């Protein structure tokens, strides 16, 4: 099964993608994680990505499409993948449609996780993640069970994104409403859209998502 997890920053896409990966074996393909890996490596791409992400802007389409094409060709995507953070614009969606058609790959659904803006700002500004395995946490809603230790891998190293602040988050949300939300109509016309109420607890969102996909 090949999916897109869709929604504004802080809607819970990454968390739900990780759960789908753990429960069903689909591979999470996170453009954010790929970009941050380049950032930490100190590569030229990483430096370019950092300046763009710090400003709350979207990375150029040609760079993102190239990254996605190379990623979904890897063996771990053969049994299904979850696109998390892509596509973000109509041109990206159209390029993805063309890419998947060319490779004979079908898209099974776009899951739209919906949350109101004030809740999103609160969610994003309080989140942090494990350096080793990328498991996400939140200062208020989702702390590690043992303080300072990742529940998933036991690492004691955590990180916060430099662009997770009120001003930058609202700039990203403005970009989302202007450029990304029309994607809902694009995939709705293809009868691939499934909407999930993201205001609920993580566990309830997971149940609703699995039910929408016919996975339980």
Protein backbone atom coordinates (compact mmCIF):
# COMPACT_ATOMS: atom_id res chain seq x y z
CA UNK A 1 0.00 0.00 0.00
CA UNK A 2 1.37 3.41 -1.02
CA UNK A 3 0.07 6.42 0.89
CA UNK A 4 0.43 10.16 1.35
CA UNK A 5 0.02 11.52 4.88
CA UNK A 6 -1.13 15.07 4.51
CA UNK A 7 -1.78 18.01 6.80
CA UNK A 8 -0.23 21.23 8.12
CA UNK A 9 2.93 21.34 10.29
CA UNK A 10 2.22 19.72 13.65
CA UNK A 11 -0.82 17.72 12.53
CA UNK A 12 0.83 14.44 13.56
CA UNK A 13 1.87 13.10 10.17
CA UNK A 14 5.28 11.89 11.36
CA UNK A 15 3.88 10.12 14.43
CA UNK A 16 1.20 8.31 12.44
CA UNK A 17 3.68 7.37 9.71
CA UNK A 18 5.94 5.78 12.32
CA UNK A 19 3.01 3.80 13.71
CA UNK A 20 1.96 2.60 10.27
CA UNK A 21 5.52 1.53 9.61
CA UNK A 22 5.76 -0.38 12.89
CA UNK A 23 2.33 -2.01 12.60
CA UNK A 24 2.13 -2.80 8.89
CA UNK A 25 5.66 -2.68 7.49
CA UNK A 26 5.17 0.31 5.20
CA UNK A 27 8.29 2.47 4.88
CA UNK A 28 8.06 6.07 6.07
CA UNK A 29 9.53 8.41 3.47
CA UNK A 30 9.96 11.72 5.24
CA UNK A 31 11.36 14.58 3.19
CA UNK A 32 12.06 16.43 6.43
CA UNK A 33 14.17 13.57 7.79
CA UNK A 34 16.07 13.30 4.50
CA UNK A 35 16.82 17.01 4.47
CA UNK A 36 17.91 17.01 8.12
CA UNK A 37 20.23 14.07 7.44
CA UNK A 38 21.93 16.19 4.80
CA UNK A 39 22.07 19.10 7.24
CA UNK A 40 23.80 17.03 9.93
CA UNK A 41 26.26 15.65 7.38
CA UNK A 42 27.42 19.18 6.56
CA UNK A 43 26.92 18.67 2.84
CA UNK A 44 26.27 21.49 0.39
CA UNK A 45 22.66 20.32 0.13
CA UNK A 46 22.37 20.38 3.90
CA UNK A 47 23.61 23.96 4.11
CA UNK A 48 21.19 25.06 1.41
CA UNK A 49 18.32 23.22 3.08
CA UNK A 50 19.09 24.79 6.47
CA UNK A 51 18.80 28.35 5.18
CA UNK A 52 15.50 27.52 3.51
CA UNK A 53 14.03 25.64 6.49
CA UNK A 54 15.13 28.28 9.01
CA UNK A 55 13.19 30.87 7.02
CA UNK A 56 10.10 28.66 7.04
CA UNK A 57 10.13 28.35 3.24
CA UNK A 58 9.54 25.37 0.99
CA UNK A 59 12.47 23.59 -0.64
CA UNK A 60 12.50 23.92 -4.49
CA UNK A 61 10.40 21.37 -6.36
CA UNK A 62 13.18 19.97 -8.53
CA UNK A 63 15.29 19.11 -5.48
CA UNK A 64 12.39 17.47 -3.66
CA UNK A 65 11.22 15.44 -6.66
CA UNK A 66 14.74 14.13 -7.29
CA UNK A 67 15.06 13.08 -3.65
CA UNK A 68 11.69 11.29 -3.69
CA UNK A 69 12.43 9.42 -6.93
CA UNK A 70 15.72 8.08 -5.59
CA UNK A 71 14.15 7.15 -2.24
CA UNK A 72 11.18 5.13 -3.51
CA UNK A 73 13.47 3.09 -5.75
CA UNK A 74 15.18 1.56 -2.71
CA UNK A 75 14.31 -2.00 -1.71
CA UNK A 76 12.65 -1.07 1.57
CA UNK A 77 9.87 0.70 -0.36
CA UNK A 78 8.91 -2.32 -2.45
CA UNK A 79 6.20 -3.45 0.00
CA UNK A 80 4.66 -0.01 0.34
CA UNK A 81 5.66 3.48 1.42
CA UNK A 82 4.20 6.47 3.23
CA UNK A 83 5.06 9.89 1.84
CA UNK A 84 5.33 12.29 4.79
CA UNK A 85 5.86 15.91 3.81
CA UNK A 86 5.46 15.45 0.06
CA UNK A 87 3.83 16.68 -2.13
CA UNK A 88 3.39 20.21 -0.80
CA UNK A 89 2.32 22.00 -3.97
CA UNK A 90 0.17 21.22 -7.01
CA UNK A 91 3.25 21.09 -9.30
CA UNK A 92 4.81 18.55 -6.92
CA UNK A 93 1.59 16.51 -6.90
CA UNK A 94 1.47 16.51 -10.69
CA UNK A 95 5.14 15.54 -10.88
CA UNK A 96 4.51 12.73 -8.39
CA UNK A 97 1.56 11.49 -10.46
CA UNK A 98 3.77 11.40 -13.55
CA UNK A 99 6.64 9.72 -11.70
CA UNK A 100 4.44 6.98 -10.26
CA UNK A 101 2.71 6.40 -13.59
CA UNK A 102 6.07 6.08 -15.32
CA UNK A 103 7.24 3.53 -12.75
CA UNK A 104 3.94 1.63 -12.73
CA UNK A 105 3.28 2.44 -9.07
CA UNK A 106 -0.22 3.21 -7.79
CA UNK A 107 -1.22 5.57 -4.99
CA UNK A 108 -3.84 4.01 -2.69
CA UNK A 109 -4.90 7.00 -0.59
CA UNK A 110 -4.16 10.48 0.66
CA UNK A 111 -4.88 10.78 4.38
CA UNK A 112 -5.61 14.37 5.47
CA UNK A 113 -5.14 14.89 9.22
CA UNK A 114 -6.95 18.10 10.16
CA UNK A 115 -6.22 20.32 13.21
CA UNK A 116 -7.01 24.02 13.85
CA UNK A 117 -4.22 26.60 13.63
CA UNK A 118 -3.79 27.62 17.29
CA UNK A 119 -3.47 23.99 18.35
CA UNK A 120 -0.92 23.45 15.60
CA UNK A 121 1.31 26.30 16.80
CA UNK A 122 1.25 24.89 20.34
CA UNK A 123 2.05 21.41 19.10
CA UNK A 124 4.95 22.43 16.89
CA UNK A 125 6.65 24.80 19.32
CA UNK A 126 6.76 22.12 22.02
CA UNK A 127 8.00 19.16 20.01
CA UNK A 128 11.40 17.49 20.01
CA UNK A 129 12.80 14.21 18.70
CA UNK A 130 15.37 11.51 19.35
CA UNK A 131 18.63 12.09 17.49
CA UNK A 132 19.17 8.37 16.94
CA UNK A 133 15.77 7.10 15.73
CA UNK A 134 13.69 10.27 15.08
CA UNK A 135 10.89 9.27 17.50
CA UNK A 136 8.94 12.45 18.22
CA UNK A 137 7.92 13.83 21.63
CA UNK A 138 6.24 16.94 23.07
CA UNK A 139 6.87 19.02 26.19
CA UNK A 140 3.21 18.75 27.24
CA UNK A 141 1.46 15.93 25.39
CA UNK A 142 4.03 13.21 24.84
CA UNK A 143 7.10 13.08 27.08
CA UNK A 144 9.36 9.98 27.21
CA UNK A 145 8.25 7.49 29.86
CA UNK A 146 11.67 7.77 31.50
CA UNK A 147 12.84 11.38 31.58
CA UNK A 148 15.76 11.98 29.25
CA UNK A 149 15.61 8.51 27.64
CA UNK A 150 14.01 7.65 24.29
CA UNK A 151 11.23 5.07 24.64
CA UNK A 152 12.10 3.50 21.29
CA UNK A 153 15.89 3.11 21.25
CA UNK A 154 17.14 4.20 24.69
CA UNK A 155 19.17 7.12 23.38
CA UNK A 156 19.65 10.10 25.69
CA UNK A 157 20.23 12.61 22.90
CA UNK A 158 17.34 14.79 21.70
CA UNK A 159 17.01 17.70 19.31
CA UNK A 160 14.63 20.52 18.45
CA UNK A 161 14.25 22.01 14.99
CA UNK A 162 15.53 25.57 14.80
CA UNK A 163 12.44 26.54 12.78
CA UNK A 164 9.99 25.35 15.45
CA UNK A 165 9.11 28.80 16.81
CA UNK A 166 5.90 30.84 16.75
CA UNK A 167 6.88 33.25 13.96
CA UNK A 168 8.28 30.62 11.64
CA UNK A 169 5.45 28.16 12.29
CA UNK A 170 2.83 30.76 11.36
CA UNK A 171 4.81 31.56 8.21
CA UNK A 172 4.80 27.86 7.33
CA UNK A 173 1.06 27.65 7.97
CA UNK A 174 0.52 30.64 5.64
CA UNK A 175 2.49 28.79 2.95
CA UNK A 176 0.42 25.68 3.63
CA UNK A 177 -2.91 27.43 3.19
CA UNK A 178 -1.73 29.22 0.04
CA UNK A 179 0.12 26.43 -1.76
CA UNK A 180 -0.55 23.05 -0.21
CA UNK A 181 -4.22 22.86 0.74
CA UNK A 182 -5.37 22.76 -2.94
CA UNK A 183 -3.79 19.29 -3.08
CA UNK A 184 -6.84 18.03 -1.19
CA UNK A 185 -9.00 18.91 -4.21
CA UNK A 186 -6.44 17.38 -6.58
CA UNK A 187 -6.61 13.96 -4.91
CA UNK A 188 -10.28 14.31 -3.98
CA UNK A 189 -11.11 14.35 -7.68
CA UNK A 190 -9.25 11.03 -7.96
CA UNK A 191 -11.37 9.56 -5.10
CA UNK A 192 -8.23 8.99 -3.03
CA UNK A 193 -8.94 11.43 -0.18
CA UNK A 194 -9.66 10.25 3.39
CA UNK A 195 -10.08 12.85 6.17
CA UNK A 196 -9.08 12.18 9.80
CA UNK A 197 -9.86 14.41 12.82
CA UNK A 198 -6.37 15.16 14.19
CA UNK A 199 -7.66 16.91 17.34
CA UNK A 200 -8.12 13.53 19.01
CA UNK A 201 -5.53 11.58 21.00
CA UNK A 202 -2.75 9.80 19.10
CA UNK A 203 -4.32 6.39 19.79
CA UNK A 204 -7.76 7.44 18.52
CA UNK A 205 -6.28 9.01 15.39
CA UNK A 206 -4.42 5.74 14.76
CA UNK A 207 -7.63 3.72 15.07
CA UNK A 208 -9.51 6.05 12.71
CA UNK A 209 -6.65 6.00 10.20
CA UNK A 210 -6.44 2.21 10.14
CA UNK A 211 -10.20 1.92 9.77
CA UNK A 212 -10.18 4.39 6.85
CA UNK A 213 -7.54 2.29 5.10
CA UNK A 214 -9.30 -0.99 5.81
CA UNK A 215 -6.43 -2.16 8.00
CA UNK A 216 -8.42 -2.87 11.15
